[in-house]
Amino acid sequence: MATLAVDVWRVGCTILEIATAKPPWSQFEGIYDNIIFLFTHLSNYSKVQVVCLCQVAAIFKIGNSKEMPEIPDHLSNDAKNFIRLCLQRNPTVRPTAVSF
C-alpha cells in the first residue's frame, strides 16, 4: 500500500534526475540495450515485448536490490545526503516532508 513516503522517494528521484540529466539507476540502460538487441534478433519476441520485459526487470532490480543510484560527486554533501535520505529503502525510516 502506497503511503506519503513514496512522495519523498519521488522527490529524491526527481532531484537526482535534475542534477544528472539522467534517470536514477540509468547505469542499467546499457545492459538492457544489449538484451533487447539479442532477444529481438535471436527470438520470436517483438521489440515491444522485449522492451516491456526489460522495464519490468529494471523495476524488479531497483525494488529488490540494496544498490543506490549513482550520485554525482559534483553535488554538495548536503545534496548527496538529502538524496540518500529520500531514497531509503525502508519507508518507515525515510524522513517525512515535515521533518525536512
Protein backbone atom coordinates (compact mmCIF):
# COMPACT_ATOMS: atom_id res chain seq x y z
CA MET A 1 0.00 0.00 0.00
CA ALA A 2 1.43 3.35 -1.04
CA THR A 3 1.90 5.98 1.64
CA LEU A 4 3.17 9.54 1.63
CA ALA A 5 6.69 8.09 1.99
CA VAL A 6 6.56 7.27 -1.71
CA ASP A 7 6.32 11.02 -2.42
CA VAL A 8 9.59 11.56 -0.55
CA TRP A 9 11.13 8.77 -2.67
CA ARG A 10 9.87 10.54 -5.81
CA VAL A 11 11.38 13.85 -4.69
CA GLY A 12 14.77 12.17 -4.31
CA CYS A 13 14.48 10.60 -7.77
CA THR A 14 13.39 13.89 -9.33
CA ILE A 15 16.21 15.90 -7.76
CA LEU A 16 18.74 13.30 -8.84
CA GLU A 17 17.40 13.36 -12.39
CA ILE A 18 17.56 17.17 -12.49
CA ALA A 19 21.14 17.11 -11.17
CA THR A 20 22.35 14.49 -13.65
CA ALA A 21 20.03 14.92 -16.66
CA LYS A 22 19.54 11.12 -16.47
CA PRO A 23 17.00 8.98 -14.65
CA PRO A 24 18.18 7.31 -11.44
CA TRP A 25 19.69 3.86 -11.95
CA SER A 26 20.42 4.73 -15.58
CA GLN A 27 23.64 2.73 -15.23
CA PHE A 28 21.50 -0.31 -16.13
CA GLU A 29 20.42 1.12 -19.50
CA GLY A 30 23.35 -0.30 -21.48
CA ILE A 31 22.71 -3.78 -20.11
CA TYR A 32 19.12 -3.71 -21.31
CA ASP A 33 20.11 -2.36 -24.74
CA ASN A 34 22.21 -5.50 -25.24
CA ILE A 35 19.38 -7.74 -24.05
CA ILE A 36 16.91 -6.00 -26.37
CA PHE A 37 19.26 -6.45 -29.32
CA LEU A 38 19.87 -10.13 -28.58
CA PHE A 39 16.25 -11.06 -27.91
CA THR A 40 14.85 -9.23 -30.93
CA HIS A 41 17.38 -10.91 -33.21
CA LEU A 42 17.51 -14.38 -31.67
CA SER A 43 13.92 -15.00 -30.60
CA ASN A 44 10.35 -14.67 -31.76
CA TYR A 45 9.66 -11.81 -29.35
CA SER A 46 8.87 -8.41 -30.82
CA LYS A 47 10.95 -5.41 -29.80
CA VAL A 48 7.97 -4.02 -27.86
CA GLN A 49 7.66 -7.25 -25.87
CA VAL A 50 11.37 -7.31 -25.08
CA VAL A 51 11.39 -3.64 -24.03
CA CYS A 52 8.44 -4.29 -21.70
CA LEU A 53 10.21 -7.30 -20.18
CA CYS A 54 13.35 -5.21 -19.64
CA GLN A 55 11.36 -2.44 -17.98
CA VAL A 56 9.77 -4.94 -15.61
CA ALA A 57 13.20 -6.44 -14.90
CA ALA A 58 14.63 -2.98 -14.16
CA ILE A 59 11.78 -2.16 -11.77
CA PHE A 60 12.27 -5.52 -10.04
CA LYS A 61 16.04 -4.96 -9.71
CA ILE A 62 15.63 -1.43 -8.35
CA GLY A 63 12.94 -2.51 -5.91
CA ASN A 64 14.74 -5.58 -4.64
CA SER A 65 18.37 -4.55 -4.55
CA LYS A 66 20.17 -2.55 -1.94
CA GLU A 67 22.00 -0.55 -4.60
CA MET A 68 21.70 3.20 -4.60
CA PRO A 69 21.70 5.09 -7.86
CA GLU A 70 24.90 6.83 -8.83
CA ILE A 71 25.06 10.22 -7.09
CA PRO A 72 27.48 12.60 -8.82
CA ASP A 73 30.48 13.91 -6.96
CA HIS A 74 29.84 17.50 -8.08
CA LEU A 75 26.85 17.75 -5.74
CA SER A 76 27.37 19.22 -2.30
CA ASN A 77 27.49 16.88 0.69
CA ASP A 78 24.12 18.28 1.81
CA ALA A 79 22.58 17.45 -1.57
CA LYS A 80 24.05 13.94 -1.56
CA ASN A 81 22.78 13.30 1.97
CA PHE A 82 19.33 14.66 1.09
CA ILE A 83 19.07 12.31 -1.89
CA ARG A 84 20.28 9.34 0.18
CA LEU A 85 17.70 10.11 2.88
CA CYS A 86 14.90 10.36 0.32
CA LEU A 87 15.91 7.04 -1.25
CA GLN A 88 15.99 4.98 1.95
CA ARG A 89 14.65 1.54 1.03
CA ASN A 90 12.57 1.19 4.17
CA PRO A 91 9.76 3.76 4.02
CA THR A 92 9.38 3.71 7.80
CA VAL A 93 12.89 5.13 8.24
CA ARG A 94 12.60 7.54 5.32
CA PRO A 95 12.16 11.13 6.54
CA THR A 96 8.80 12.79 6.15
CA ALA A 97 8.27 16.06 4.28
CA VAL A 98 7.68 17.77 7.63
CA SER A 99 11.00 16.56 9.07
CA PHE A 100 12.98 18.24 6.31
